C-alpha atoms as a PDB file:
ATOM      1  CA  MET A   1      -7.239  -1.481  36.557  1.00  0.00           C
ATOM      2  CA  ILE A   2      -4.470  -2.210  34.058  1.00  0.00           C
ATOM      3  CA  GLY A   3      -4.764   0.119  31.077  1.00  0.00           C
ATOM      4  CA  LEU A   4      -4.791  -0.920  27.440  1.00  0.00           C
ATOM      5  CA  ASN A   5      -1.656  -0.562  25.337  1.00  0.00           C
ATOM      6  CA  VAL A   6      -2.389   2.119  22.750  1.00  0.00           C
ATOM      7  CA  THR A   7       0.015   3.260  20.024  1.00  0.00           C
ATOM      8  CA  ILE A   8      -0.747   6.608  18.384  1.00  0.00           C
ATOM      9  CA  TRP A   9       0.711   6.955  14.890  1.00  0.00           C
ATOM     10  CA  ASN A  10       1.107  10.345  13.234  1.00  0.00           C
ATOM     11  CA  GLU A  11       2.922  11.560  10.146  1.00  0.00           C
ATOM     12  CA  PHE A  12       4.285  14.404  12.328  1.00  0.00           C
ATOM     13  CA  GLU A  13       5.207  16.510   9.329  1.00  0.00           C
ATOM     14  CA  ALA A  14       2.669  19.353   9.368  1.00  0.00           C
ATOM     15  CA  GLU A  15       3.479  20.228  12.994  1.00  0.00           C
ATOM     16  CA  GLN A  16       7.127  20.683  12.056  1.00  0.00           C
ATOM     17  CA  GLU A  17       6.647  22.415   8.717  1.00  0.00           C
ATOM     18  CA  ASN A  18       3.584  24.623   9.238  1.00  0.00           C
ATOM     19  CA  GLU A  19       3.559  27.352  11.892  1.00  0.00           C
ATOM     20  CA  GLU A  20      -0.252  27.438  11.939  1.00  0.00           C
ATOM     21  CA  VAL A  21      -0.358  23.760  12.855  1.00  0.00           C
ATOM     22  CA  ARG A  22       2.502  24.095  15.331  1.00  0.00           C
ATOM     23  CA  LYS A  23       0.564  26.745  17.274  1.00  0.00           C
ATOM     24  CA  VAL A  24      -2.320  24.312  17.771  1.00  0.00           C
ATOM     25  CA  TYR A  25      -0.300  21.128  18.378  1.00  0.00           C
ATOM     26  CA  PRO A  26       3.268  22.166  19.312  1.00  0.00           C
ATOM     27  CA  GLN A  27       4.211  18.635  20.414  1.00  0.00           C
ATOM     28  CA  GLY A  28       2.192  16.937  17.693  1.00  0.00           C
ATOM     29  CA  ILE A  29      -1.345  15.589  17.429  1.00  0.00           C
ATOM     30  CA  HIS A  30      -0.119  12.217  18.693  1.00  0.00           C
ATOM     31  CA  SER A  31       1.098  13.769  21.954  1.00  0.00           C
ATOM     32  CA  VAL A  32      -2.251  15.439  22.676  1.00  0.00           C
ATOM     33  CA  ILE A  33      -4.174  12.223  22.047  1.00  0.00           C
ATOM     34  CA  GLY A  34      -1.748  10.211  24.144  1.00  0.00           C
ATOM     35  CA  GLU A  35      -2.046  12.614  27.071  1.00  0.00           C
ATOM     36  CA  PHE A  36      -5.825  12.515  27.365  1.00  0.00           C
ATOM     37  CA  LEU A  37      -5.953   8.731  26.892  1.00  0.00           C
ATOM     38  CA  LYS A  38      -3.561   8.366  29.830  1.00  0.00           C
ATOM     39  CA  GLU A  39      -5.575  10.777  31.944  1.00  0.00           C
ATOM     40  CA  LYS A  40      -9.090   9.587  31.133  1.00  0.00           C
ATOM     41  CA  ILE A  41      -8.813   5.795  30.697  1.00  0.00           C
ATOM     42  CA  ASN A  42      -5.410   4.990  32.186  1.00  0.00           C
ATOM     43  CA  ALA A  43      -4.085   3.835  28.817  1.00  0.00           C
ATOM     44  CA  ASN A  44      -0.455   2.862  28.421  1.00  0.00           C
ATOM     45  CA  THR A  45       0.373   5.042  25.437  1.00  0.00           C
ATOM     46  CA  ALA A  46       3.253   5.053  22.998  1.00  0.00           C
ATOM     47  CA  THR A  47       3.740   7.082  19.844  1.00  0.00           C
ATOM     48  CA  ALA A  48       5.184   6.332  16.429  1.00  0.00           C
ATOM     49  CA  THR A  49       5.808   8.640  13.484  1.00  0.00           C
ATOM     50  CA  LEU A  50       6.418   8.424   9.779  1.00  0.00           C
ATOM     51  CA  HIS A  51      10.152   9.137   9.688  1.00  0.00           C
ATOM     52  CA  GLU A  52      11.191   6.639  12.344  1.00  0.00           C
ATOM     53  CA  PRO A  53      12.721   3.359  11.150  1.00  0.00           C
ATOM     54  CA  GLU A  54       9.856   1.148   9.911  1.00  0.00           C
ATOM     55  CA  HIS A  55       7.652   4.189  10.671  1.00  0.00           C
ATOM     56  CA  GLY A  56       7.903   3.217  14.340  1.00  0.00           C
ATOM     57  CA  LEU A  57       5.666   0.197  13.727  1.00  0.00           C
ATOM     58  CA  THR A  58       7.983  -2.751  14.132  1.00  0.00           C
ATOM     59  CA  GLU A  59       6.712  -6.254  14.695  1.00  0.00           C
ATOM     60  CA  GLU A  60       7.571  -5.881  18.374  1.00  0.00           C
ATOM     61  CA  VAL A  61       5.628  -2.621  18.706  1.00  0.00           C
ATOM     62  CA  LEU A  62       2.513  -4.042  17.056  1.00  0.00           C
ATOM     63  CA  ASN A  63       2.710  -7.271  19.036  1.00  0.00           C
ATOM     64  CA  ASN A  64       2.457  -5.134  22.161  1.00  0.00           C
ATOM     65  CA  THR A  65      -0.341  -2.870  20.867  1.00  0.00           C
ATOM     66  CA  ASP A  66      -3.976  -3.498  21.800  1.00  0.00           C
ATOM     67  CA  VAL A  67      -5.281  -0.566  19.757  1.00  0.00           C
ATOM     68  CA  LEU A  68      -3.517   1.467  17.065  1.00  0.00           C
ATOM     69  CA  ILE A  69      -4.676   5.032  16.348  1.00  0.00           C
ATOM     70  CA  TRP A  70      -3.720   6.353  12.896  1.00  0.00           C
ATOM     71  CA  TRP A  71      -3.667  10.059  11.953  1.00  0.00           C
ATOM     72  CA  ALA A  72      -2.431  10.952   8.505  1.00  0.00           C
ATOM     73  CA  HIS A  73      -2.781  13.738   5.982  1.00  0.00           C
ATOM     74  CA  LEU A  74      -0.687  14.025   2.818  1.00  0.00           C
ATOM     75  CA  SER A  75       2.063  11.424   3.027  1.00  0.00           C
ATOM     76  CA  HIS A  76       0.154   8.180   2.586  1.00  0.00           C
ATOM     77  CA  GLU A  77       2.445   6.998  -0.207  1.00  0.00           C
ATOM     78  CA  LYS A  78       5.516   7.435   1.996  1.00  0.00           C
ATOM     79  CA  VAL A  79       4.301   4.546   4.149  1.00  0.00           C
ATOM     80  CA  SER A  80       5.976   1.375   2.939  1.00  0.00           C
ATOM     81  CA  ASP A  81       3.809  -1.441   1.635  1.00  0.00           C
ATOM     82  CA  GLU A  82       5.587  -3.797   4.032  1.00  0.00           C
ATOM     83  CA  VAL A  83       4.518  -1.790   7.090  1.00  0.00           C
ATOM     84  CA  ALA A  84       0.981  -1.278   5.741  1.00  0.00           C
ATOM     85  CA  GLU A  85       0.614  -5.032   5.236  1.00  0.00           C
ATOM     86  CA  ARG A  86       2.024  -5.629   8.713  1.00  0.00           C
ATOM     87  CA  VAL A  87      -0.623  -3.363  10.220  1.00  0.00           C
ATOM     88  CA  GLN A  88      -3.317  -5.092   8.149  1.00  0.00           C
ATOM     89  CA  ARG A  89      -2.204  -8.502   9.416  1.00  0.00           C
ATOM     90  CA  HIS A  90      -2.226  -7.421  13.036  1.00  0.00           C
ATOM     91  CA  VAL A  91      -5.735  -6.007  12.671  1.00  0.00           C
ATOM     92  CA  LEU A  92      -6.956  -9.249  11.114  1.00  0.00           C
ATOM     93  CA  GLU A  93      -5.454 -11.060  14.103  1.00  0.00           C
ATOM     94  CA  GLY A  94      -7.327  -8.870  16.569  1.00  0.00           C
ATOM     95  CA  MET A  95      -5.522  -5.544  17.080  1.00  0.00           C
ATOM     96  CA  GLY A  96      -7.989  -2.653  17.166  1.00  0.00           C
ATOM     97  CA  LEU A  97      -7.570   0.194  14.667  1.00  0.00           C
ATOM     98  CA  ILE A  98      -8.919   3.757  14.925  1.00  0.00           C
ATOM     99  CA  VAL A  99      -8.459   5.774  11.735  1.00  0.00           C
ATOM    100  CA  LEU A 100      -8.746   9.543  12.042  1.00  0.00           C
ATOM    101  CA  HIS A 101      -9.585  12.269   9.543  1.00  0.00           C
ATOM    102  CA  SER A 102      -7.483  11.979   6.350  1.00  0.00           C
ATOM    103  CA  GLY A 103      -6.513   8.466   7.330  1.00  0.00           C
ATOM    104  CA  HIS A 104      -9.367   7.426   5.026  1.00  0.00           C
ATOM    105  CA  HIS A 105      -6.693   7.438   2.303  1.00  0.00           C
ATOM    106  CA  SER A 106      -4.078   5.576   4.339  1.00  0.00           C
ATOM    107  CA  LYS A 107      -2.714   2.321   2.980  1.00  0.00           C
ATOM    108  CA  PRO A 108      -3.749   0.174   5.971  1.00  0.00           C
ATOM    109  CA  PHE A 109      -7.338   1.451   5.929  1.00  0.00           C
ATOM    110  CA  LYS A 110      -7.780   0.946   2.187  1.00  0.00           C
ATOM    111  CA  LYS A 111      -6.267  -2.533   2.365  1.00  0.00           C
ATOM    112  CA  LEU A 112      -8.680  -3.470   5.120  1.00  0.00           C
ATOM    113  CA  ILE A 113     -11.881  -2.033   3.632  1.00  0.00           C
ATOM    114  CA  GLY A 114     -11.126  -2.823  -0.011  1.00  0.00           C
ATOM    115  CA  THR A 115     -12.302   0.460  -1.577  1.00  0.00           C
ATOM    116  CA  THR A 116     -10.754   3.817  -2.508  1.00  0.00           C
ATOM    117  CA  GLY A 117     -11.912   5.791   0.534  1.00  0.00           C
ATOM    118  CA  ASN A 118     -12.533   8.773  -1.745  1.00  0.00           C
ATOM    119  CA  LEU A 119     -14.848  11.606  -0.681  1.00  0.00           C
ATOM    120  CA  ARG A 120     -15.627  15.286  -1.218  1.00  0.00           C
ATOM    121  CA  TRP A 121     -13.567  17.836   0.743  1.00  0.00           C
ATOM    122  CA  ARG A 122     -13.053  21.576   1.163  1.00  0.00           C
ATOM    123  CA  GLU A 123     -10.939  23.673   3.522  1.00  0.00           C
ATOM    124  CA  ASP A 124     -13.131  26.600   4.533  1.00  0.00           C
ATOM    125  CA  ASP A 125     -13.136  26.918   8.369  1.00  0.00           C
ATOM    126  CA  CYS A 126     -16.485  25.159   8.340  1.00  0.00           C
ATOM    127  CA  HIS A 127     -18.755  24.831  11.364  1.00  0.00           C
ATOM    128  CA  THR A 128     -19.584  21.143  11.840  1.00  0.00           C
ATOM    129  CA  ARG A 129     -22.362  19.454  13.782  1.00  0.00           C
ATOM    130  CA  LEU A 130     -21.642  15.841  14.693  1.00  0.00           C
ATOM    131  CA  TRP A 131     -24.895  13.951  15.253  1.00  0.00           C
ATOM    132  CA  THR A 132     -25.076  10.862  17.449  1.00  0.00           C
ATOM    133  CA  ILE A 133     -27.379   8.520  15.546  1.00  0.00           C
ATOM    134  CA  GLU A 134     -26.692   5.305  17.477  1.00  0.00           C
ATOM    135  CA  PRO A 135     -26.755   6.450  21.123  1.00  0.00           C
ATOM    136  CA  SER A 136     -26.788   2.884  22.485  1.00  0.00           C
ATOM    137  CA  HIS A 137     -23.457   2.064  20.857  1.00  0.00           C
ATOM    138  CA  PRO A 138     -20.497   1.846  23.293  1.00  0.00           C
ATOM    139  CA  ILE A 139     -18.595   4.527  21.365  1.00  0.00           C
ATOM    140  CA  ALA A 140     -21.490   6.954  21.993  1.00  0.00           C
ATOM    141  CA  LYS A 141     -21.482   6.482  25.781  1.00  0.00           C
ATOM    142  CA  ASN A 142     -21.811   9.877  27.539  1.00  0.00           C
ATOM    143  CA  VAL A 143     -21.848  11.683  24.187  1.00  0.00           C
ATOM    144  CA  PRO A 144     -24.656  14.233  23.711  1.00  0.00           C
ATOM    145  CA  MET A 145     -27.233  14.147  20.927  1.00  0.00           C
ATOM    146  CA  TYR A 146     -24.963  16.380  18.862  1.00  0.00           C
ATOM    147  CA  VAL A 147     -21.548  17.983  19.206  1.00  0.00           C
ATOM    148  CA  ASP A 148     -20.775  21.358  17.669  1.00  0.00           C
ATOM    149  CA  ILE A 149     -17.261  21.707  16.297  1.00  0.00           C
ATOM    150  CA  PRO A 150     -16.588  25.422  15.656  1.00  0.00           C
ATOM    151  CA  GLN A 151     -14.189  24.863  12.752  1.00  0.00           C
ATOM    152  CA  ASP A 152     -13.086  21.855  10.750  1.00  0.00           C
ATOM    153  CA  GLU A 153     -12.355  20.798   7.205  1.00  0.00           C
ATOM    154  CA  MET A 154     -15.441  19.802   5.225  1.00  0.00           C
ATOM    155  CA  TYR A 155     -15.672  16.122   4.311  1.00  0.00           C
ATOM    156  CA  GLY A 156     -18.772  15.079   2.394  1.00  0.00           C
ATOM    157  CA  GLU A 157     -20.503  12.239   0.617  1.00  0.00           C
ATOM    158  CA  ARG A 158     -20.125  10.251  -1.355  1.00  0.00           C
ATOM    159  CA  PHE A 159     -17.639   8.497   0.925  1.00  0.00           C
ATOM    160  CA  ASP A 160     -16.445   5.399  -0.944  1.00  0.00           C
ATOM    161  CA  ILE A 161     -16.492   2.788   1.799  1.00  0.00           C
ATOM    162  CA  PRO A 162     -18.397  -0.480   2.240  1.00  0.00           C
ATOM    163  CA  ALA A 163     -21.554  -0.212   4.318  1.00  0.00           C
ATOM    164  CA  PRO A 164     -20.352   0.014   7.929  1.00  0.00           C
ATOM    165  CA  ASP A 165     -21.298  -2.671  10.438  1.00  0.00           C
ATOM    166  CA  SER A 166     -22.514   0.210  12.622  1.00  0.00           C
ATOM    167  CA  LEU A 167     -22.874   3.897  11.834  1.00  0.00           C
ATOM    168  CA  VAL A 168     -22.532   5.804  15.106  1.00  0.00           C
ATOM    169  CA  PHE A 169     -22.173   9.415  13.921  1.00  0.00           C
ATOM    170  CA  ILE A 170     -22.990  11.535  10.909  1.00  0.00           C
ATOM    171  CA  SER A 171     -21.728  15.082  10.379  1.00  0.00           C
ATOM    172  CA  TRP A 172     -23.483  18.084   8.912  1.00  0.00           C
ATOM    173  CA  PHE A 173     -21.427  20.997   7.586  1.00  0.00           C
ATOM    174  CA  ALA A 174     -22.435  24.644   7.294  1.00  0.00           C
ATOM    175  CA  GLY A 175     -22.104  24.449   3.513  1.00  0.00           C
ATOM    176  CA  GLY A 176     -24.861  21.840   3.422  1.00  0.00           C
ATOM    177  CA  GLU A 177     -22.851  18.637   2.992  1.00  0.00           C
ATOM    178  CA  VAL A 178     -23.252  15.549   5.163  1.00  0.00           C
ATOM    179  CA  MET A 179     -20.820  12.744   5.945  1.00  0.00           C
ATOM    180  CA  ARG A 180     -20.911   9.287   7.530  1.00  0.00           C
ATOM    181  CA  SER A 181     -18.329  10.322  10.073  1.00  0.00           C
ATOM    182  CA  GLY A 182     -18.262   7.575  12.703  1.00  0.00           C
ATOM    183  CA  CYS A 183     -18.112   4.157  11.063  1.00  0.00           C
ATOM    184  CA  CYS A 184     -17.450   0.737  12.621  1.00  0.00           C
ATOM    185  CA  PHE A 185     -16.131  -2.290  10.749  1.00  0.00           C
ATOM    186  CA  THR A 186     -14.959  -5.777  11.627  1.00  0.00           C
ATOM    187  CA  ARG A 187     -12.181  -7.362   9.611  1.00  0.00           C
ATOM    188  CA  GLY A 188     -11.019 -10.804  10.636  1.00  0.00           C
ATOM    189  CA  ALA A 189     -10.726 -10.732  14.430  1.00  0.00           C
ATOM    190  CA  GLY A 190     -10.121  -6.963  14.532  1.00  0.00           C
ATOM    191  CA  LYS A 191     -12.384  -3.970  15.040  1.00  0.00           C
ATOM    192  CA  ILE A 192     -11.965  -0.729  13.070  1.00  0.00           C
ATOM    193  CA  PHE A 193     -13.448   2.695  13.778  1.00  0.00           C
ATOM    194  CA  TYR A 194     -13.166   5.516  11.245  1.00  0.00           C
ATOM    195  CA  PHE A 195     -13.740   8.995  12.736  1.00  0.00           C
ATOM    196  CA  GLN A 196     -13.810  12.051  10.466  1.00  0.00           C
ATOM    197  CA  PRO A 197     -13.192  15.141  12.675  1.00  0.00           C
ATOM    198  CA  GLY A 198      -9.682  16.432  13.223  1.00  0.00           C
ATOM    199  CA  HIS A 199      -8.053  18.696  10.617  1.00  0.00           C
ATOM    200  CA  GLU A 200      -4.596  19.660  11.857  1.00  0.00           C
ATOM    201  CA  THR A 201      -5.124  23.439  11.920  1.00  0.00           C
ATOM    202  CA  TYR A 202      -8.025  23.268  14.399  1.00  0.00           C
ATOM    203  CA  PRO A 203      -7.959  22.176  18.070  1.00  0.00           C
ATOM    204  CA  VAL A 204     -10.566  19.460  17.532  1.00  0.00           C
ATOM    205  CA  TYR A 205      -8.718  16.870  19.637  1.00  0.00           C
ATOM    206  CA  LYS A 206      -8.681  19.262  22.587  1.00  0.00           C
ATOM    207  CA  GLN A 207     -12.492  19.357  22.638  1.00  0.00           C
ATOM    208  CA  PRO A 208     -13.871  17.313  25.590  1.00  0.00           C
ATOM    209  CA  GLU A 209     -16.655  15.595  23.639  1.00  0.00           C
ATOM    210  CA  ILE A 210     -14.202  14.449  20.961  1.00  0.00           C
ATOM    211  CA  GLN A 211     -11.901  13.106  23.652  1.00  0.00           C
ATOM    212  CA  THR A 212     -14.792  11.147  25.163  1.00  0.00           C
ATOM    213  CA  ILE A 213     -15.557   9.591  21.782  1.00  0.00           C
ATOM    214  CA  LEU A 214     -11.949   8.535  21.241  1.00  0.00           C
ATOM    215  CA  CYS A 215     -11.668   7.084  24.746  1.00  0.00           C
ATOM    216  CA  ASN A 216     -14.832   5.079  24.133  1.00  0.00           C
ATOM    217  CA  ALA A 217     -13.521   3.982  20.749  1.00  0.00           C
ATOM    218  CA  VAL A 218     -10.306   2.636  22.264  1.00  0.00           C
ATOM    219  CA  ASN A 219     -12.272   0.560  24.773  1.00  0.00           C
ATOM    220  CA  TRP A 220     -14.618  -0.706  22.045  1.00  0.00           C
ATOM    221  CA  ALA A 221     -11.846  -1.557  19.566  1.00  0.00           C
ATOM    222  CA  HIS A 222      -9.972  -3.775  22.004  1.00  0.00           C
ATOM    223  CA  SER A 223     -11.095  -7.358  21.499  1.00  0.00           C
ATOM    224  CA  GLY A 224      -7.952  -9.369  22.189  1.00  0.00           C
ATOM    225  CA  ARG A 225      -5.738 -11.309  19.807  1.00  0.00           C
ATOM    226  CA  ASN A 226      -7.019 -14.394  18.027  1.00  0.00           C
ATOM    227  CA  ALA A 227      -4.629 -15.280  15.208  1.00  0.00           C
ATOM    228  CA  GLU A 228      -6.186 -18.742  14.880  1.00  0.00           C
ATOM    229  CA  ALA A 229      -9.463 -17.133  13.820  1.00  0.00           C
ATOM    230  CA  VAL A 230      -7.872 -16.079  10.527  1.00  0.00           C
ATOM    231  CA  SER A 231      -5.490 -19.012  10.074  1.00  0.00           C
ATOM    232  CA  CYS A 232      -5.823 -21.598   7.319  1.00  0.00           C
ATOM    233  CA  ILE A 233      -5.853 -24.810   9.358  1.00  0.00           C
ATOM    234  CA  HIS A 234      -5.585 -28.332   8.000  1.00  0.00           C
ATOM    235  CA  ALA A 235      -8.304 -30.094   9.978  1.00  0.00           C
ATOM    236  CA  GLU A 236      -6.934 -33.614   9.658  1.00  0.00           C
ATOM    237  CA  ASP A 237      -9.432 -35.058  12.135  1.00  0.00           C
ATOM    238  CA  SER A 238     -13.114 -34.176  12.250  1.00  0.00           C
ATOM    239  CA  PRO A 239     -14.870 -33.591  15.580  1.00  0.00           C
ATOM    240  CA  GLU A 240     -17.033 -36.677  14.957  1.00  0.00           C
ATOM    241  CA  SER A 241     -14.047 -38.935  14.246  1.00  0.00           C
ATOM    242  CA  LEU A 242     -12.394 -37.802  17.474  1.00  0.00           C
ATOM    243  CA  ARG A 243     -15.573 -38.604  19.390  1.00  0.00           C
ATOM    244  CA  TYR A 244     -15.648 -42.058  17.814  1.00  0.00           C
ATOM    245  CA  GLU A 245     -12.034 -42.745  18.778  1.00  0.00           C
ATOM    246  CA  LYS A 246     -12.850 -41.826  22.362  1.00  0.00           C
ATOM    247  CA  GLY A 247     -15.786 -44.210  22.324  1.00  0.00           C
ATOM    248  CA  GLU A 248     -18.379 -41.493  22.852  1.00  0.00           C
END
């Protein structure tokens, strides 16, 4: 089976600047995600990072991307508006988008959902329990009733997003907070999945259950390109007039 074309985007700053992060992800978060997607679902993976020309997300790259995965942390404003709008356009035309962790504040995500993406947060080595609340959803395939994540950053409500089309996961944190942590949206012809776990100082993306979720999300988010679905078309002839001309 021919694998999907998946581009994994990462700021790739923390791994180079912070020794604690480098110990967990020496080659970068994007490399770890790319490796397990290749292994588990035969994806054709490519990576792109913030400091490449056009942030690695040229028109050519996005034209050849079925699903874009976006991990970001502190450098959202360093992403050019031109590239953010380019990503938005490709999603509207049918490219899938998976937004991870602090990507809730990324320019493409906020442009697509239309709200601030603000939430509560705290770094405190918090035990997290990820609950599967929509087990029949394709992203939840082969995922247990709950997944324990030994340590992660706390993200809590209120999460300023529109009501998701589907809510697949919620997270509970040892401090008592909860979070809508697995949210599905449709924008134009594109599918979007926001997934909360994955602070850079913890090996969350090396956890098998998290890898299963992301593999499922890639398969779900791929829907094929349909630029015409979001085009403004001058319909000069009506279907009925065409039938009349044909003598039907």
